[in-house]
Amino acid sequence: MKMKKIEAIKNEASGIIYFPISGKIKTKMHPLGLHFFLDEGLGLLCCPSLASGEPDANNMEQVDEWYPTLTKSQETKVKKIAHRLYVRIEESQEEN
């Protein structure tokens, strides 16, 4: 099955350019969860989830701003999400 190439998009509210695929984890701080994205430089971004389950893309931030505060378990989950997102982007680029 041919995968559609993933193109970066720009969030007009924040000016952040990112790939529109996400990984999601729930935390005690964010019981609705956080959505994670990779920006065009493959840096990890996150934003809270809305009650609808959709990402609140108007409130994206760089993960490295709060990364040092993560527990080892959260750090492992975030690294896995970043890796999966990167692989999905790479696979979409190779297939086209």
N, C-alpha and C. Protein backbone atom coordinates (compact mmCIF):
# COMPACT_ATOMS: atom_id res chain seq x y z
N MET A 1 0.84 -1.17 0.00
CA MET A 1 0.00 0.00 0.00
C MET A 1 0.89 1.24 0.00
N LYS A 2 0.62 2.17 -0.89
CA LYS A 2 1.41 3.39 -1.00
C LYS A 2 0.94 4.39 0.05
N MET A 3 1.90 4.94 0.79
CA MET A 3 1.59 5.91 1.84
C MET A 3 1.64 7.31 1.24
N LYS A 4 0.68 8.14 1.63
CA LYS A 4 0.66 9.52 1.18
C LYS A 4 1.80 10.29 1.84
N LYS A 5 2.50 11.11 1.05
CA LYS A 5 3.60 11.91 1.59
C LYS A 5 3.05 12.89 2.62
N ILE A 6 3.71 12.99 3.74
CA ILE A 6 3.28 13.88 4.81
C ILE A 6 3.95 15.23 4.60
N GLU A 7 3.16 16.24 4.39
CA GLU A 7 3.67 17.60 4.17
C GLU A 7 3.55 18.39 5.46
N ALA A 8 4.54 19.21 5.74
CA ALA A 8 4.49 20.10 6.91
C ALA A 8 3.44 21.18 6.67
N ILE A 9 2.77 21.59 7.75
CA ILE A 9 1.79 22.66 7.65
C ILE A 9 2.14 23.74 8.67
N LYS A 10 1.61 24.93 8.45
CA LYS A 10 1.90 26.05 9.35
C LYS A 10 0.67 26.36 10.18
N ASN A 11 0.85 26.44 11.50
CA ASN A 11 -0.20 26.87 12.40
C ASN A 11 -0.21 28.39 12.34
N GLU A 12 -1.27 28.95 11.79
CA GLU A 12 -1.34 30.39 11.60
C GLU A 12 -1.32 31.17 12.91
N ALA A 13 -1.90 30.62 13.95
CA ALA A 13 -1.95 31.32 15.24
C ALA A 13 -0.57 31.45 15.88
N SER A 14 0.23 30.38 15.81
CA SER A 14 1.54 30.40 16.48
C SER A 14 2.70 30.61 15.52
N GLY A 15 2.47 30.37 14.23
CA GLY A 15 3.54 30.46 13.25
C GLY A 15 4.42 29.22 13.21
N ILE A 16 4.10 28.20 14.02
CA ILE A 16 4.90 26.98 14.07
C ILE A 16 4.58 26.12 12.85
N ILE A 17 5.62 25.60 12.21
CA ILE A 17 5.46 24.69 11.09
C ILE A 17 5.72 23.28 11.62
N TYR A 18 4.77 22.37 11.37
CA TYR A 18 4.88 21.02 11.92
C TYR A 18 4.23 20.01 11.00
N PHE A 19 4.52 18.74 11.24
CA PHE A 19 3.90 17.65 10.49
C PHE A 19 2.59 17.28 11.18
N PRO A 20 1.49 17.17 10.43
CA PRO A 20 0.17 16.95 11.02
C PRO A 20 -0.13 15.50 11.41
N ILE A 21 0.82 14.85 12.05
CA ILE A 21 0.59 13.52 12.63
C ILE A 21 0.94 13.65 14.09
N SER A 22 0.33 12.84 14.92
CA SER A 22 0.61 13.00 16.34
C SER A 22 0.64 11.67 17.07
N GLY A 23 1.28 11.70 18.21
CA GLY A 23 1.24 10.63 19.18
C GLY A 23 0.59 11.23 20.41
N LYS A 24 0.01 10.42 21.25
CA LYS A 24 -0.72 10.96 22.40
C LYS A 24 -0.43 10.14 23.64
N ILE A 25 -0.20 10.83 24.77
CA ILE A 25 -0.12 10.15 26.07
C ILE A 25 -0.93 10.95 27.07
N LYS A 26 -1.40 10.29 28.09
CA LYS A 26 -2.11 10.94 29.19
C LYS A 26 -1.16 11.06 30.37
N THR A 27 -1.28 12.14 31.11
CA THR A 27 -0.47 12.34 32.31
C THR A 27 -1.39 12.80 33.43
N LYS A 28 -0.88 12.79 34.65
CA LYS A 28 -1.68 13.31 35.77
C LYS A 28 -1.96 14.79 35.59
N MET A 29 -0.97 15.52 35.04
CA MET A 29 -1.14 16.94 34.82
C MET A 29 -2.17 17.22 33.72
N HIS A 30 -2.20 16.36 32.72
CA HIS A 30 -3.10 16.53 31.58
C HIS A 30 -3.93 15.26 31.41
N PRO A 31 -4.99 15.08 32.22
CA PRO A 31 -5.75 13.83 32.15
C PRO A 31 -6.40 13.61 30.79
N LEU A 32 -6.63 14.68 30.02
CA LEU A 32 -7.16 14.51 28.67
C LEU A 32 -6.06 14.12 27.70
N GLY A 33 -4.82 14.30 28.11
CA GLY A 33 -3.69 13.89 27.30
C GLY A 33 -2.96 15.04 26.64
N LEU A 34 -1.83 14.69 26.10
CA LEU A 34 -1.01 15.62 25.34
C LEU A 34 -0.82 15.03 23.95
N HIS A 35 -0.85 15.87 22.95
CA HIS A 35 -0.52 15.45 21.59
C HIS A 35 0.91 15.90 21.31
N PHE A 36 1.66 15.05 20.65
CA PHE A 36 3.04 15.34 20.30
C PHE A 36 3.18 15.38 18.79
N PHE A 37 3.99 16.31 18.30
CA PHE A 37 4.24 16.49 16.88
C PHE A 37 5.74 16.72 16.68
N LEU A 38 6.20 16.56 15.45
CA LEU A 38 7.56 16.96 15.11
C LEU A 38 7.46 18.21 14.25
N ASP A 39 8.34 19.17 14.54
CA ASP A 39 8.35 20.37 13.71
C ASP A 39 9.21 20.11 12.47
N GLU A 40 9.31 21.10 11.61
CA GLU A 40 10.03 20.90 10.36
C GLU A 40 11.50 20.59 10.56
N GLY A 41 12.06 20.94 11.69
CA GLY A 41 13.44 20.60 12.02
C GLY A 41 13.54 19.30 12.80
N LEU A 42 12.43 18.58 12.93
CA LEU A 42 12.28 17.31 13.64
C LEU A 42 12.45 17.47 15.15
N GLY A 43 12.22 18.68 15.66
CA GLY A 43 12.17 18.91 17.10
C GLY A 43 10.80 18.49 17.61
N LEU A 44 10.74 18.03 18.83
CA LEU A 44 9.49 17.54 19.39
C LEU A 44 8.67 18.69 19.99
N LEU A 45 7.40 18.76 19.59
CA LEU A 45 6.44 19.74 20.09
C LEU A 45 5.34 19.01 20.82
N CYS A 46 4.62 19.71 21.69
CA CYS A 46 3.44 19.13 22.31
C CYS A 46 2.39 20.20 22.48
N CYS A 47 1.16 19.74 22.64
CA CYS A 47 0.07 20.64 22.97
C CYS A 47 -0.97 19.82 23.73
N PRO A 48 -1.79 20.48 24.54
CA PRO A 48 -2.83 19.75 25.27
C PRO A 48 -3.92 19.28 24.34
N SER A 49 -4.67 18.29 24.80
CA SER A 49 -5.83 17.82 24.07
C SER A 49 -7.05 18.62 24.53
N LEU A 50 -7.93 18.89 23.59
CA LEU A 50 -9.21 19.50 23.93
C LEU A 50 -10.15 18.42 24.47
N ALA A 51 -11.26 18.80 25.07
CA ALA A 51 -12.23 17.83 25.59
C ALA A 51 -12.72 16.90 24.48
N SER A 52 -12.70 17.39 23.23
CA SER A 52 -13.14 16.58 22.08
C SER A 52 -12.12 15.50 21.71
N GLY A 53 -10.91 15.60 22.31
CA GLY A 53 -9.85 14.66 21.97
C GLY A 53 -8.92 15.18 20.88
N GLU A 54 -9.29 16.27 20.25
CA GLU A 54 -8.47 16.88 19.21
C GLU A 54 -7.34 17.68 19.87
N PRO A 55 -6.21 17.84 19.16
CA PRO A 55 -5.12 18.64 19.72
C PRO A 55 -5.46 20.13 19.73
N ASP A 56 -5.01 20.82 20.74
CA ASP A 56 -5.17 22.27 20.84
C ASP A 56 -3.92 22.89 20.21
N ALA A 57 -3.91 22.92 18.88
CA ALA A 57 -2.72 23.34 18.13
C ALA A 57 -2.35 24.81 18.36
N ASN A 58 -3.26 25.58 18.94
CA ASN A 58 -2.93 26.97 19.24
C ASN A 58 -2.05 27.12 20.47
N ASN A 59 -1.84 26.02 21.18
CA ASN A 59 -1.02 26.06 22.41
C ASN A 59 0.16 25.11 22.33
N MET A 60 0.81 25.05 21.16
CA MET A 60 1.98 24.18 20.99
C MET A 60 3.18 24.79 21.68
N GLU A 61 4.03 23.91 22.19
CA GLU A 61 5.30 24.36 22.78
C GLU A 61 6.37 23.31 22.52
N GLN A 62 7.61 23.74 22.59
CA GLN A 62 8.74 22.82 22.43
C GLN A 62 8.86 21.95 23.68
N VAL A 63 9.01 20.67 23.50
CA VAL A 63 9.14 19.75 24.62
C VAL A 63 10.40 20.03 25.43
N ASP A 64 11.46 20.46 24.77
CA ASP A 64 12.70 20.69 25.52
C ASP A 64 12.57 21.78 26.57
N GLU A 65 11.49 22.56 26.53
CA GLU A 65 11.25 23.58 27.56
C GLU A 65 10.91 22.95 28.91
N TRP A 66 10.30 21.77 28.90
CA TRP A 66 9.93 21.12 30.17
C TRP A 66 10.44 19.69 30.27
N TYR A 67 11.20 19.26 29.30
CA TYR A 67 11.71 17.88 29.26
C TYR A 67 12.46 17.47 30.52
N PRO A 68 13.30 18.32 31.11
CA PRO A 68 14.05 17.91 32.31
C PRO A 68 13.16 17.56 33.51
N THR A 69 11.90 17.95 33.50
CA THR A 69 11.02 17.68 34.64
C THR A 69 10.30 16.34 34.54
N LEU A 70 10.49 15.61 33.46
CA LEU A 70 9.80 14.33 33.27
C LEU A 70 10.37 13.23 34.16
N THR A 71 9.50 12.29 34.54
CA THR A 71 9.97 11.09 35.22
C THR A 71 10.62 10.20 34.17
N LYS A 72 11.35 9.20 34.60
CA LYS A 72 12.00 8.26 33.66
C LYS A 72 10.96 7.58 32.78
N SER A 73 9.82 7.21 33.36
CA SER A 73 8.75 6.56 32.60
C SER A 73 8.20 7.50 31.52
N GLN A 74 7.95 8.76 31.89
CA GLN A 74 7.44 9.73 30.93
C GLN A 74 8.49 10.00 29.85
N GLU A 75 9.75 10.08 30.26
CA GLU A 75 10.83 10.31 29.30
C GLU A 75 10.89 9.20 28.27
N THR A 76 10.76 7.97 28.72
CA THR A 76 10.77 6.82 27.81
C THR A 76 9.61 6.89 26.83
N LYS A 77 8.41 7.21 27.34
CA LYS A 77 7.24 7.32 26.46
C LYS A 77 7.42 8.41 25.42
N VAL A 78 7.94 9.55 25.84
CA VAL A 78 8.13 10.67 24.92
C VAL A 78 9.16 10.32 23.85
N LYS A 79 10.25 9.66 24.24
CA LYS A 79 11.26 9.25 23.26
C LYS A 79 10.68 8.28 22.24
N LYS A 80 9.83 7.37 22.70
CA LYS A 80 9.20 6.41 21.78
C LYS A 80 8.26 7.13 20.82
N ILE A 81 7.51 8.09 21.32
CA ILE A 81 6.60 8.86 20.46
C ILE A 81 7.40 9.61 19.40
N ALA A 82 8.45 10.30 19.82
CA ALA A 82 9.27 11.05 18.87
C ALA A 82 9.83 10.13 17.79
N HIS A 83 10.30 8.96 18.20
CA HIS A 83 10.86 8.00 17.24
C HIS A 83 9.79 7.52 16.26
N ARG A 84 8.60 7.17 16.77
CA ARG A 84 7.52 6.69 15.89
C ARG A 84 7.10 7.77 14.90
N LEU A 85 7.01 9.01 15.36
CA LEU A 85 6.63 10.10 14.45
C LEU A 85 7.69 10.29 13.37
N TYR A 86 8.95 10.24 13.77
CA TYR A 86 10.04 10.39 12.82
C TYR A 86 10.00 9.28 11.77
N VAL A 87 9.79 8.03 12.21
CA VAL A 87 9.73 6.89 11.28
C VAL A 87 8.56 7.07 10.31
N ARG A 88 7.40 7.50 10.80
CA ARG A 88 6.25 7.69 9.91
C ARG A 88 6.53 8.75 8.87
N ILE A 89 7.19 9.83 9.27
CA ILE A 89 7.52 10.89 8.30
C ILE A 89 8.52 10.37 7.28
N GLU A 90 9.56 9.69 7.74
CA GLU A 90 10.57 9.14 6.84
C GLU A 90 9.95 8.16 5.86
N GLU A 91 9.10 7.26 6.35
CA GLU A 91 8.46 6.28 5.47
C GLU A 91 7.60 6.96 4.42
N SER A 92 6.91 8.03 4.78
CA SER A 92 6.06 8.72 3.82
C SER A 92 6.89 9.42 2.75
N GLN A 93 8.09 9.87 3.11
CA GLN A 93 8.96 10.54 2.15
C GLN A 93 9.57 9.53 1.18
N GLU A 94 9.93 8.36 1.69
CA GLU A 94 10.57 7.33 0.86
C GLU A 94 9.62 6.72 -0.16
N GLU A 95 8.35 6.61 0.17
CA GLU A 95 7.39 5.95 -0.70
C GLU A 95 6.96 6.80 -1.88
N ASN A 96 7.30 8.08 -1.85
CA ASN A 96 6.86 8.98 -2.93
C ASN A 96 8.02 9.40 -3.80
